[in-house]
Amino acid sequence: MTSVAFVEPVTLIQGGLRLEPLALAHEAGLAAAAADGQLWRIRVTSVPGPGETRAYIEQALAMREAGSRFAFAVVDEATGRVLGSTSYHDIMPAVRRVEIGYTWYAKSVQRTHVNTTAKLLMMGHAFDTLQCHVVGWRTDNYNFASQRAIERLGAKKDGVIRGHALRRDATIRDTVMYSMRAGEWPEARAQLLYLLTRHNGT
């Protein structure tokens, strides 16, 4: 089994949100999403800046071809608007593990149901369809909003890898690692569904 075959092309839909395989056709929509809040100015993210969106997508497609990453465009079903992007990455078929990352959304949809719904879709596909044993996350040690969001999913903090990666400003970051095992997924799913129900007021 190769990682290319492990994560096959799929479109995931729920709650008015559609996660579809990232393609060059998403370039304009993705650039507009990044411009909503000028997200590339945040030093602890890797959002493409002006004029960088095509290269960003091409890199994601190359990583998909290599089997190490599968990127999605996050799309509003009703309007077709691209809201951001998220990916499976560090795909390890031999141990049935994927990580979820490269995640960012237009500022106008942050702190809404979008991230919770997207994570529910991706975690559900990873655990229920791909039969993953573990799903992981990693984030910058200074990206406290991301750490809180990951912890709200029910993931457990594994530790910190010091001096692990370069930021966009060429400083060296520590990386905070999280994970969830398959046995923890049912409770996490119930909590995510509860949060979405509260958001929808039902």
N, C-alpha and C. Protein backbone atom coordinates (compact mmCIF):
# COMPACT_ATOMS: atom_id res chain seq x y z
N MET A 1 0.85 -1.19 0.00
CA MET A 1 0.00 0.00 0.00
C MET A 1 0.88 1.25 0.00
N THR A 2 0.64 2.17 -0.92
CA THR A 2 1.36 3.43 -0.94
C THR A 2 0.48 4.52 -0.36
N SER A 3 1.10 5.63 0.05
CA SER A 3 0.32 6.73 0.60
C SER A 3 -0.55 7.38 -0.46
N VAL A 4 -0.15 7.30 -1.73
CA VAL A 4 -0.97 7.85 -2.80
C VAL A 4 -2.30 7.11 -2.84
N ALA A 5 -2.25 5.77 -2.70
CA ALA A 5 -3.47 4.97 -2.72
C ALA A 5 -4.21 5.07 -1.39
N PHE A 6 -3.50 5.34 -0.31
CA PHE A 6 -4.11 5.37 1.02
C PHE A 6 -5.13 6.50 1.12
N VAL A 7 -4.76 7.70 0.69
CA VAL A 7 -5.69 8.83 0.67
C VAL A 7 -6.06 9.09 -0.79
N GLU A 8 -7.19 8.57 -1.19
CA GLU A 8 -7.63 8.74 -2.57
C GLU A 8 -8.48 10.00 -2.70
N PRO A 9 -8.59 10.56 -3.91
CA PRO A 9 -9.40 11.77 -4.09
C PRO A 9 -10.83 11.56 -3.60
N VAL A 10 -11.31 12.51 -2.83
CA VAL A 10 -12.65 12.42 -2.26
C VAL A 10 -13.15 13.83 -2.00
N THR A 11 -14.47 14.02 -2.09
CA THR A 11 -15.10 15.28 -1.71
C THR A 11 -15.97 15.00 -0.49
N LEU A 12 -15.79 15.79 0.56
CA LEU A 12 -16.49 15.60 1.83
C LEU A 12 -17.47 16.74 2.03
N ILE A 13 -18.73 16.42 2.36
CA ILE A 13 -19.78 17.44 2.45
C ILE A 13 -20.57 17.28 3.74
N GLN A 14 -20.77 18.38 4.44
CA GLN A 14 -21.63 18.39 5.63
C GLN A 14 -21.86 19.83 6.07
N GLY A 15 -23.06 20.11 6.57
CA GLY A 15 -23.34 21.39 7.20
C GLY A 15 -23.11 22.59 6.32
N GLY A 16 -23.39 22.47 5.03
CA GLY A 16 -23.21 23.59 4.11
C GLY A 16 -21.79 23.82 3.68
N LEU A 17 -20.90 22.89 4.04
CA LEU A 17 -19.48 23.01 3.71
C LEU A 17 -19.07 21.87 2.79
N ARG A 18 -18.20 22.17 1.84
CA ARG A 18 -17.69 21.15 0.92
C ARG A 18 -16.17 21.20 0.92
N LEU A 19 -15.55 20.07 1.21
CA LEU A 19 -14.10 19.94 1.09
C LEU A 19 -13.82 19.17 -0.17
N GLU A 20 -13.20 19.85 -1.15
CA GLU A 20 -12.92 19.21 -2.44
C GLU A 20 -11.42 19.28 -2.72
N PRO A 21 -10.90 18.30 -3.48
CA PRO A 21 -9.45 18.30 -3.74
C PRO A 21 -8.97 19.63 -4.32
N LEU A 22 -7.94 20.19 -3.71
CA LEU A 22 -7.40 21.48 -4.14
C LEU A 22 -6.85 21.35 -5.56
N ALA A 23 -7.18 22.33 -6.40
CA ALA A 23 -6.77 22.33 -7.80
C ALA A 23 -6.43 23.75 -8.23
N LEU A 24 -5.77 23.87 -9.37
CA LEU A 24 -5.41 25.20 -9.89
C LEU A 24 -6.65 26.06 -10.13
N ALA A 25 -7.78 25.42 -10.36
CA ALA A 25 -9.02 26.17 -10.57
C ALA A 25 -9.44 26.97 -9.33
N HIS A 26 -8.87 26.64 -8.17
CA HIS A 26 -9.19 27.34 -6.93
C HIS A 26 -8.31 28.57 -6.71
N GLU A 27 -7.41 28.88 -7.65
CA GLU A 27 -6.41 29.93 -7.41
C GLU A 27 -7.04 31.26 -7.02
N ALA A 28 -7.98 31.74 -7.81
CA ALA A 28 -8.57 33.06 -7.53
C ALA A 28 -9.32 33.06 -6.21
N GLY A 29 -10.09 32.00 -5.96
CA GLY A 29 -10.85 31.92 -4.72
C GLY A 29 -9.96 31.84 -3.50
N LEU A 30 -8.87 31.10 -3.62
CA LEU A 30 -7.94 30.95 -2.51
C LEU A 30 -7.22 32.27 -2.23
N ALA A 31 -6.84 32.97 -3.29
CA ALA A 31 -6.19 34.27 -3.13
C ALA A 31 -7.13 35.26 -2.43
N ALA A 32 -8.41 35.24 -2.79
CA ALA A 32 -9.39 36.12 -2.16
C ALA A 32 -9.56 35.78 -0.69
N ALA A 33 -9.56 34.48 -0.37
CA ALA A 33 -9.69 34.06 1.04
C ALA A 33 -8.49 34.55 1.85
N ALA A 34 -7.29 34.44 1.29
CA ALA A 34 -6.09 34.90 1.99
C ALA A 34 -6.10 36.41 2.18
N ALA A 35 -6.67 37.13 1.21
CA ALA A 35 -6.72 38.59 1.29
C ALA A 35 -7.71 39.06 2.34
N ASP A 36 -8.69 38.21 2.69
CA ASP A 36 -9.67 38.54 3.72
C ASP A 36 -8.97 38.47 5.08
N GLY A 37 -8.42 39.59 5.50
CA GLY A 37 -7.67 39.65 6.75
C GLY A 37 -6.17 39.70 6.54
N GLN A 38 -5.73 39.71 5.27
CA GLN A 38 -4.29 39.73 4.95
C GLN A 38 -3.54 38.70 5.80
N LEU A 39 -3.97 37.45 5.65
CA LEU A 39 -3.50 36.39 6.55
C LEU A 39 -2.01 36.10 6.44
N TRP A 40 -1.42 36.45 5.30
CA TRP A 40 0.01 36.19 5.12
C TRP A 40 0.87 37.04 6.05
N ARG A 41 0.28 38.06 6.68
CA ARG A 41 1.03 38.91 7.59
C ARG A 41 1.22 38.26 8.97
N ILE A 42 0.51 37.16 9.21
CA ILE A 42 0.64 36.47 10.50
C ILE A 42 1.88 35.58 10.44
N ARG A 43 2.84 35.82 11.29
CA ARG A 43 4.16 35.17 11.17
C ARG A 43 4.13 33.68 11.49
N VAL A 44 3.09 33.21 12.20
CA VAL A 44 3.07 31.80 12.60
C VAL A 44 2.21 30.94 11.66
N THR A 45 1.87 31.47 10.50
CA THR A 45 1.13 30.69 9.51
C THR A 45 1.91 30.62 8.20
N SER A 46 1.43 29.78 7.29
CA SER A 46 2.09 29.64 5.98
C SER A 46 1.12 30.00 4.85
N VAL A 47 0.25 30.96 5.09
CA VAL A 47 -0.74 31.38 4.09
C VAL A 47 -0.01 32.07 2.93
N PRO A 48 -0.37 31.75 1.68
CA PRO A 48 0.31 32.39 0.54
C PRO A 48 0.02 33.89 0.47
N GLY A 49 1.07 34.66 0.19
CA GLY A 49 0.92 36.10 0.03
C GLY A 49 0.48 36.45 -1.38
N PRO A 50 0.30 37.74 -1.66
CA PRO A 50 -0.11 38.16 -3.00
C PRO A 50 0.86 37.63 -4.06
N GLY A 51 0.31 37.03 -5.11
CA GLY A 51 1.13 36.50 -6.19
C GLY A 51 1.73 35.14 -5.91
N GLU A 52 1.47 34.56 -4.73
CA GLU A 52 2.07 33.28 -4.35
C GLU A 52 1.10 32.11 -4.40
N THR A 53 -0.17 32.39 -4.71
CA THR A 53 -1.21 31.36 -4.57
C THR A 53 -1.00 30.21 -5.55
N ARG A 54 -0.66 30.51 -6.80
CA ARG A 54 -0.47 29.43 -7.77
C ARG A 54 0.68 28.51 -7.34
N ALA A 55 1.78 29.09 -6.89
CA ALA A 55 2.91 28.28 -6.43
C ALA A 55 2.52 27.44 -5.22
N TYR A 56 1.69 28.01 -4.35
CA TYR A 56 1.21 27.29 -3.16
C TYR A 56 0.43 26.05 -3.59
N ILE A 57 -0.47 26.22 -4.57
CA ILE A 57 -1.27 25.10 -5.05
C ILE A 57 -0.39 24.09 -5.76
N GLU A 58 0.54 24.57 -6.58
CA GLU A 58 1.43 23.65 -7.30
C GLU A 58 2.28 22.82 -6.34
N GLN A 59 2.73 23.44 -5.26
CA GLN A 59 3.50 22.68 -4.26
C GLN A 59 2.62 21.62 -3.60
N ALA A 60 1.37 21.98 -3.29
CA ALA A 60 0.45 21.01 -2.69
C ALA A 60 0.19 19.85 -3.63
N LEU A 61 0.05 20.14 -4.92
CA LEU A 61 -0.19 19.08 -5.91
C LEU A 61 1.04 18.18 -6.05
N ALA A 62 2.22 18.77 -5.98
CA ALA A 62 3.45 17.97 -6.05
C ALA A 62 3.56 17.05 -4.84
N MET A 63 3.20 17.56 -3.68
CA MET A 63 3.22 16.75 -2.46
C MET A 63 2.16 15.64 -2.53
N ARG A 64 1.03 15.96 -3.15
CA ARG A 64 0.01 14.92 -3.35
C ARG A 64 0.54 13.82 -4.25
N GLU A 65 1.22 14.20 -5.32
CA GLU A 65 1.79 13.22 -6.24
C GLU A 65 2.82 12.34 -5.53
N ALA A 66 3.56 12.94 -4.61
CA ALA A 66 4.57 12.19 -3.85
C ALA A 66 3.95 11.34 -2.75
N GLY A 67 2.68 11.60 -2.45
CA GLY A 67 1.98 10.80 -1.45
C GLY A 67 2.12 11.30 -0.03
N SER A 68 2.68 12.51 0.16
CA SER A 68 2.91 12.98 1.52
C SER A 68 1.83 13.94 2.02
N ARG A 69 1.02 14.48 1.09
CA ARG A 69 0.00 15.46 1.49
C ARG A 69 -1.18 15.39 0.53
N PHE A 70 -2.38 15.58 1.07
CA PHE A 70 -3.57 15.70 0.23
C PHE A 70 -4.32 16.93 0.68
N ALA A 71 -4.32 17.97 -0.17
CA ALA A 71 -4.90 19.26 0.19
C ALA A 71 -6.32 19.40 -0.33
N PHE A 72 -7.14 20.07 0.48
CA PHE A 72 -8.52 20.37 0.12
C PHE A 72 -8.73 21.88 0.04
N ALA A 73 -9.63 22.29 -0.85
CA ALA A 73 -10.21 23.62 -0.78
C ALA A 73 -11.47 23.51 0.07
N VAL A 74 -11.65 24.44 0.99
CA VAL A 74 -12.85 24.48 1.82
C VAL A 74 -13.81 25.48 1.18
N VAL A 75 -14.97 24.99 0.77
CA VAL A 75 -15.88 25.77 -0.06
C VAL A 75 -17.26 25.88 0.59
N ASP A 76 -17.85 27.06 0.55
CA ASP A 76 -19.23 27.25 0.99
C ASP A 76 -20.16 26.68 -0.07
N GLU A 77 -20.97 25.70 0.30
CA GLU A 77 -21.81 25.02 -0.68
C GLU A 77 -22.81 25.95 -1.34
N ALA A 78 -23.39 26.86 -0.59
CA ALA A 78 -24.45 27.71 -1.11
C ALA A 78 -23.95 28.72 -2.14
N THR A 79 -22.74 29.26 -1.90
CA THR A 79 -22.25 30.34 -2.76
C THR A 79 -21.10 29.92 -3.67
N GLY A 80 -20.45 28.81 -3.35
CA GLY A 80 -19.27 28.40 -4.11
C GLY A 80 -18.01 29.16 -3.71
N ARG A 81 -18.12 30.00 -2.68
CA ARG A 81 -16.96 30.78 -2.24
C ARG A 81 -15.92 29.90 -1.57
N VAL A 82 -14.66 30.08 -1.95
CA VAL A 82 -13.56 29.38 -1.30
C VAL A 82 -13.27 30.08 0.02
N LEU A 83 -13.33 29.33 1.12
CA LEU A 83 -13.16 29.90 2.45
C LEU A 83 -11.76 29.71 2.99
N GLY A 84 -10.98 28.78 2.40
CA GLY A 84 -9.64 28.50 2.88
C GLY A 84 -9.19 27.13 2.42
N SER A 85 -8.27 26.55 3.17
CA SER A 85 -7.71 25.26 2.77
C SER A 85 -7.30 24.47 4.00
N THR A 86 -7.27 23.16 3.85
CA THR A 86 -6.79 22.26 4.90
C THR A 86 -6.29 20.99 4.23
N SER A 87 -5.46 20.23 4.92
CA SER A 87 -4.80 19.08 4.29
C SER A 87 -4.62 17.91 5.25
N TYR A 88 -4.59 16.71 4.68
CA TYR A 88 -3.92 15.59 5.33
C TYR A 88 -2.45 15.69 4.94
N HIS A 89 -1.55 15.43 5.88
CA HIS A 89 -0.12 15.47 5.54
C HIS A 89 0.63 14.48 6.42
N ASP A 90 1.91 14.32 6.13
CA ASP A 90 2.73 13.31 6.81
C ASP A 90 1.96 11.99 6.87
N ILE A 91 1.51 11.57 5.68
CA ILE A 91 0.69 10.37 5.53
C ILE A 91 1.57 9.13 5.67
N MET A 92 1.20 8.25 6.60
CA MET A 92 2.01 7.06 6.90
C MET A 92 1.13 5.82 6.83
N PRO A 93 0.96 5.25 5.62
CA PRO A 93 0.06 4.11 5.45
C PRO A 93 0.45 2.90 6.31
N ALA A 94 1.75 2.65 6.49
CA ALA A 94 2.19 1.45 7.20
C ALA A 94 1.67 1.39 8.62
N VAL A 95 1.52 2.55 9.25
CA VAL A 95 1.02 2.59 10.63
C VAL A 95 -0.38 3.21 10.70
N ARG A 96 -0.97 3.45 9.51
CA ARG A 96 -2.32 4.02 9.40
C ARG A 96 -2.43 5.30 10.23
N ARG A 97 -1.59 6.26 9.87
CA ARG A 97 -1.57 7.56 10.55
C ARG A 97 -1.55 8.68 9.52
N VAL A 98 -2.32 9.72 9.77
CA VAL A 98 -2.23 10.96 9.01
C VAL A 98 -2.21 12.11 10.00
N GLU A 99 -1.71 13.24 9.55
CA GLU A 99 -1.86 14.47 10.32
C GLU A 99 -2.78 15.41 9.55
N ILE A 100 -3.42 16.31 10.28
CA ILE A 100 -4.28 17.33 9.69
C ILE A 100 -3.62 18.68 9.93
N GLY A 101 -3.40 19.42 8.86
CA GLY A 101 -2.74 20.71 9.01
C GLY A 101 -2.80 21.53 7.74
N TYR A 102 -1.86 22.48 7.62
CA TYR A 102 -1.91 23.46 6.53
C TYR A 102 -3.30 24.09 6.48
N THR A 103 -3.87 24.35 7.65
CA THR A 103 -5.25 24.80 7.74
C THR A 103 -5.30 26.31 7.96
N TRP A 104 -6.07 26.98 7.15
CA TRP A 104 -6.32 28.41 7.34
C TRP A 104 -7.62 28.81 6.66
N TYR A 105 -8.26 29.84 7.21
CA TYR A 105 -9.55 30.30 6.69
C TYR A 105 -9.57 31.82 6.60
N ALA A 106 -10.38 32.32 5.68
CA ALA A 106 -10.60 33.76 5.59
C ALA A 106 -11.03 34.30 6.95
N LYS A 107 -10.56 35.50 7.27
CA LYS A 107 -10.82 36.07 8.59
C LYS A 107 -12.31 36.13 8.90
N SER A 108 -13.13 36.40 7.87
CA SER A 108 -14.57 36.57 8.09
C SER A 108 -15.29 35.30 8.51
N VAL A 109 -14.65 34.12 8.34
CA VAL A 109 -15.30 32.87 8.76
C VAL A 109 -14.58 32.22 9.92
N GLN A 110 -13.55 32.88 10.44
CA GLN A 110 -12.91 32.36 11.64
C GLN A 110 -13.86 32.52 12.83
N ARG A 111 -13.77 31.62 13.80
CA ARG A 111 -14.64 31.60 14.98
C ARG A 111 -16.10 31.36 14.59
N THR A 112 -16.33 30.66 13.50
CA THR A 112 -17.67 30.21 13.11
C THR A 112 -17.68 28.68 13.13
N HIS A 113 -18.72 28.09 12.56
CA HIS A 113 -18.83 26.63 12.50
C HIS A 113 -17.87 26.01 11.51
N VAL A 114 -17.18 26.82 10.68
CA VAL A 114 -16.42 26.30 9.55
C VAL A 114 -15.32 25.33 9.99
N ASN A 115 -14.49 25.75 10.93
CA ASN A 115 -13.37 24.88 11.33
C ASN A 115 -13.88 23.61 12.00
N THR A 116 -14.87 23.73 12.87
CA THR A 116 -15.40 22.54 13.55
C THR A 116 -15.97 21.55 12.54
N THR A 117 -16.72 22.06 11.56
CA THR A 117 -17.32 21.19 10.55
C THR A 117 -16.25 20.53 9.69
N ALA A 118 -15.25 21.31 9.27
CA ALA A 118 -14.18 20.76 8.44
C ALA A 118 -13.41 19.67 9.20
N LYS A 119 -13.12 19.92 10.47
CA LYS A 119 -12.39 18.92 11.26
C LYS A 119 -13.24 17.67 11.46
N LEU A 120 -14.54 17.84 11.67
CA LEU A 120 -15.43 16.69 11.82
C LEU A 120 -15.38 15.83 10.56
N LEU A 121 -15.42 16.48 9.40
CA LEU A 121 -15.37 15.75 8.13
C LEU A 121 -14.04 15.02 7.97
N MET A 122 -12.94 15.70 8.24
CA MET A 122 -11.62 15.10 8.01
C MET A 122 -11.31 14.00 9.02
N MET A 123 -11.68 14.23 10.27
CA MET A 123 -11.44 13.21 11.28
C MET A 123 -12.32 11.99 11.02
N GLY A 124 -13.57 12.24 10.63
CA GLY A 124 -14.46 11.14 10.32
C GLY A 124 -13.95 10.31 9.16
N HIS A 125 -13.47 10.97 8.11
CA HIS A 125 -12.95 10.24 6.96
C HIS A 125 -11.69 9.45 7.35
N ALA A 126 -10.84 10.08 8.17
CA ALA A 126 -9.59 9.42 8.57
C ALA A 126 -9.87 8.18 9.42
N PHE A 127 -10.72 8.33 10.42
CA PHE A 127 -10.96 7.21 11.34
C PHE A 127 -11.94 6.18 10.77
N ASP A 128 -13.03 6.65 10.15
CA ASP A 128 -14.10 5.74 9.75
C ASP A 128 -13.88 5.11 8.39
N THR A 129 -13.29 5.86 7.45
CA THR A 129 -13.10 5.34 6.10
C THR A 129 -11.68 4.80 5.90
N LEU A 130 -10.67 5.60 6.28
CA LEU A 130 -9.28 5.17 6.11
C LEU A 130 -8.84 4.22 7.21
N GLN A 131 -9.66 4.13 8.26
CA GLN A 131 -9.36 3.24 9.39
C GLN A 131 -8.01 3.56 10.03
N CYS A 132 -7.74 4.86 10.19
CA CYS A 132 -6.50 5.29 10.82
C CYS A 132 -6.49 4.90 12.30
N HIS A 133 -5.31 4.54 12.77
CA HIS A 133 -5.11 4.29 14.20
C HIS A 133 -4.90 5.60 14.95
N VAL A 134 -4.26 6.55 14.28
CA VAL A 134 -3.91 7.82 14.92
C VAL A 134 -4.07 8.96 13.91
N VAL A 135 -4.61 10.08 14.38
CA VAL A 135 -4.60 11.34 13.63
C VAL A 135 -3.80 12.34 14.45
N GLY A 136 -2.89 13.06 13.79
CA GLY A 136 -2.03 13.99 14.49
C GLY A 136 -2.20 15.43 14.01
N TRP A 137 -1.71 16.34 14.82
CA TRP A 137 -1.66 17.77 14.48
C TRP A 137 -0.33 18.32 14.98
N ARG A 138 0.13 19.37 14.34
CA ARG A 138 1.32 20.09 14.81
C ARG A 138 1.10 21.57 14.60
N THR A 139 1.67 22.38 15.46
CA THR A 139 1.49 23.82 15.32
C THR A 139 2.66 24.57 15.95
N ASP A 140 2.81 25.82 15.56
CA ASP A 140 3.85 26.69 16.09
C ASP A 140 3.64 26.90 17.59
N ASN A 141 4.73 26.92 18.34
CA ASN A 141 4.60 27.10 19.79
C ASN A 141 4.03 28.46 20.15
N TYR A 142 4.07 29.42 19.24
CA TYR A 142 3.47 30.73 19.49
C TYR A 142 2.08 30.88 18.88
N ASN A 143 1.59 29.84 18.22
CA ASN A 143 0.25 29.91 17.65
C ASN A 143 -0.76 29.39 18.67
N PHE A 144 -1.03 30.25 19.66
CA PHE A 144 -1.86 29.83 20.78
C PHE A 144 -3.31 29.58 20.35
N ALA A 145 -3.79 30.33 19.36
CA ALA A 145 -5.16 30.11 18.87
C ALA A 145 -5.29 28.72 18.26
N SER A 146 -4.28 28.32 17.51
CA SER A 146 -4.29 26.99 16.90
C SER A 146 -4.23 25.90 17.97
N GLN A 147 -3.40 26.12 18.99
CA GLN A 147 -3.30 25.12 20.07
C GLN A 147 -4.65 24.96 20.78
N ARG A 148 -5.33 26.07 21.04
CA ARG A 148 -6.64 25.99 21.70
C ARG A 148 -7.64 25.27 20.80
N ALA A 149 -7.60 25.55 19.50
CA ALA A 149 -8.53 24.91 18.57
C ALA A 149 -8.30 23.40 18.51
N ILE A 150 -7.04 22.99 18.50
CA ILE A 150 -6.72 21.56 18.45
C ILE A 150 -7.17 20.87 19.74
N GLU A 151 -6.95 21.53 20.86
CA GLU A 151 -7.35 20.95 22.14
C GLU A 151 -8.87 20.84 22.25
N ARG A 152 -9.60 21.77 21.65
CA ARG A 152 -11.07 21.69 21.65
C ARG A 152 -11.57 20.48 20.88
N LEU A 153 -10.76 19.98 19.95
CA LEU A 153 -11.15 18.79 19.20
C LEU A 153 -11.08 17.53 20.05
N GLY A 154 -10.38 17.60 21.17
CA GLY A 154 -10.18 16.43 22.01
C GLY A 154 -8.82 15.78 21.84
N ALA A 155 -7.94 16.41 21.07
CA ALA A 155 -6.60 15.86 20.86
C ALA A 155 -5.76 16.02 22.12
N LYS A 156 -4.82 15.11 22.29
CA LYS A 156 -3.92 15.14 23.44
C LYS A 156 -2.56 15.69 23.02
N LYS A 157 -1.96 16.50 23.89
CA LYS A 157 -0.65 17.07 23.62
C LYS A 157 0.42 16.01 23.84
N ASP A 158 1.19 15.73 22.80
CA ASP A 158 2.25 14.72 22.89
C ASP A 158 3.56 15.31 23.40
N GLY A 159 3.80 16.58 23.07
CA GLY A 159 5.05 17.20 23.50
C GLY A 159 5.47 18.30 22.54
N VAL A 160 6.69 18.78 22.72
CA VAL A 160 7.22 19.87 21.91
C VAL A 160 8.54 19.44 21.28
N ILE A 161 8.66 19.63 19.96
CA ILE A 161 9.92 19.38 19.27
C ILE A 161 10.62 20.73 19.14
N ARG A 162 11.75 20.87 19.77
CA ARG A 162 12.43 22.17 19.82
C ARG A 162 13.30 22.36 18.58
N GLY A 163 13.35 23.61 18.10
CA GLY A 163 14.17 23.94 16.94
C GLY A 163 13.79 23.11 15.72
N HIS A 164 12.50 23.03 15.43
CA HIS A 164 11.99 22.03 14.49
C HIS A 164 11.83 22.52 13.07
N ALA A 165 11.47 23.80 12.87
CA ALA A 165 11.16 24.25 11.51
C ALA A 165 11.37 25.75 11.38
N LEU A 166 11.50 26.20 10.13
CA LEU A 166 11.64 27.63 9.85
C LEU A 166 10.28 28.28 9.68
N ARG A 167 10.13 29.46 10.28
CA ARG A 167 8.95 30.28 9.99
C ARG A 167 9.19 31.08 8.72
N ARG A 168 8.12 31.75 8.26
CA ARG A 168 8.23 32.55 7.04
C ARG A 168 9.19 33.72 7.21
N ASP A 169 9.41 34.16 8.47
CA ASP A 169 10.35 35.27 8.70
C ASP A 169 11.77 34.77 9.00
N ALA A 170 12.01 33.47 8.76
CA ALA A 170 13.33 32.84 8.89
C ALA A 170 13.74 32.57 10.32
N THR A 171 12.88 32.87 11.30
CA THR A 171 13.18 32.45 12.66
C THR A 171 12.87 30.95 12.78
N ILE A 172 13.47 30.31 13.78
CA ILE A 172 13.30 28.87 13.97
C ILE A 172 12.26 28.63 15.06
N ARG A 173 11.27 27.81 14.73
CA ARG A 173 10.18 27.59 15.67
C ARG A 173 10.32 26.27 16.41
N ASP A 174 9.72 26.22 17.60
CA ASP A 174 9.43 24.96 18.27
C ASP A 174 8.05 24.51 17.80
N THR A 175 7.85 23.21 17.66
CA THR A 175 6.59 22.66 17.16
C THR A 175 5.90 21.88 18.26
N VAL A 176 4.63 22.23 18.51
CA VAL A 176 3.82 21.52 19.50
C VAL A 176 3.05 20.41 18.77
N MET A 177 3.20 19.17 19.27
CA MET A 177 2.60 18.00 18.63
C MET A 177 1.40 17.50 19.44
N TYR A 178 0.34 17.15 18.71
CA TYR A 178 -0.87 16.59 19.31
C TYR A 178 -1.28 15.34 18.55
N SER A 179 -2.10 14.50 19.20
CA SER A 179 -2.63 13.34 18.49
C SER A 179 -3.93 12.87 19.13
N MET A 180 -4.66 12.05 18.35
CA MET A 180 -5.86 11.38 18.83
C MET A 180 -5.82 9.95 18.32
N ARG A 181 -6.11 8.99 19.19
CA ARG A 181 -6.17 7.59 18.80
C ARG A 181 -7.59 7.21 18.42
N ALA A 182 -7.72 6.13 17.65
CA ALA A 182 -9.02 5.72 17.13
C ALA A 182 -10.04 5.51 18.26
N GLY A 183 -9.59 4.97 19.39
CA GLY A 183 -10.50 4.72 20.50
C GLY A 183 -11.05 5.98 21.13
N GLU A 184 -10.40 7.13 20.89
CA GLU A 184 -10.86 8.40 21.45
C GLU A 184 -11.81 9.13 20.51
N TRP A 185 -11.92 8.64 19.27
CA TRP A 185 -12.71 9.32 18.26
C TRP A 185 -14.20 9.38 18.58
N PRO A 186 -14.86 8.30 19.03
CA PRO A 186 -16.30 8.39 19.28
C PRO A 186 -16.68 9.51 20.24
N GLU A 187 -15.94 9.67 21.33
CA GLU A 187 -16.23 10.74 22.28
C GLU A 187 -15.95 12.11 21.66
N ALA A 188 -14.86 12.22 20.91
CA ALA A 188 -14.54 13.50 20.26
C ALA A 188 -15.61 13.86 19.24
N ARG A 189 -16.08 12.88 18.48
CA ARG A 189 -17.14 13.14 17.49
C ARG A 189 -18.41 13.62 18.18
N ALA A 190 -18.78 12.98 19.28
CA ALA A 190 -19.98 13.40 20.01
C ALA A 190 -19.86 14.85 20.48
N GLN A 191 -18.66 15.23 20.95
CA GLN A 191 -18.45 16.60 21.41
C GLN A 191 -18.52 17.60 20.26
N LEU A 192 -17.93 17.26 19.12
CA LEU A 192 -17.97 18.16 17.96
C LEU A 192 -19.40 18.33 17.47
N LEU A 193 -20.16 17.25 17.42
CA LEU A 193 -21.57 17.35 17.01
C LEU A 193 -22.36 18.20 17.99
N TYR A 194 -22.05 18.08 19.27
CA TYR A 194 -22.70 18.90 20.29
C TYR A 194 -22.38 20.39 20.08
N LEU A 195 -21.13 20.69 19.80
CA LEU A 195 -20.74 22.08 19.57
C LEU A 195 -21.44 22.66 18.35
N LEU A 196 -21.56 21.85 17.29
CA LEU A 196 -22.26 22.32 16.08
C LEU A 196 -23.74 22.52 16.34
N THR A 197 -24.33 21.65 17.15
CA THR A 197 -25.75 21.80 17.49
C THR A 197 -25.97 23.09 18.26
N ARG A 198 -25.07 23.39 19.19
CA ARG A 198 -25.17 24.65 19.95
C ARG A 198 -25.02 25.84 19.02
N HIS A 199 -24.09 25.74 18.07
CA HIS A 199 -23.88 26.85 17.13
C HIS A 199 -25.13 27.10 16.28
N ASN A 200 -25.77 26.01 15.88
CA ASN A 200 -26.95 26.13 15.01
C ASN A 200 -28.22 26.46 15.80
N GLY A 201 -28.12 26.40 17.14
CA GLY A 201 -29.26 26.76 17.96
C GLY A 201 -30.37 25.74 17.93
N THR A 202 -30.02 24.47 17.68
CA THR A 202 -31.05 23.43 17.64
C THR A 202 -30.90 22.48 18.81
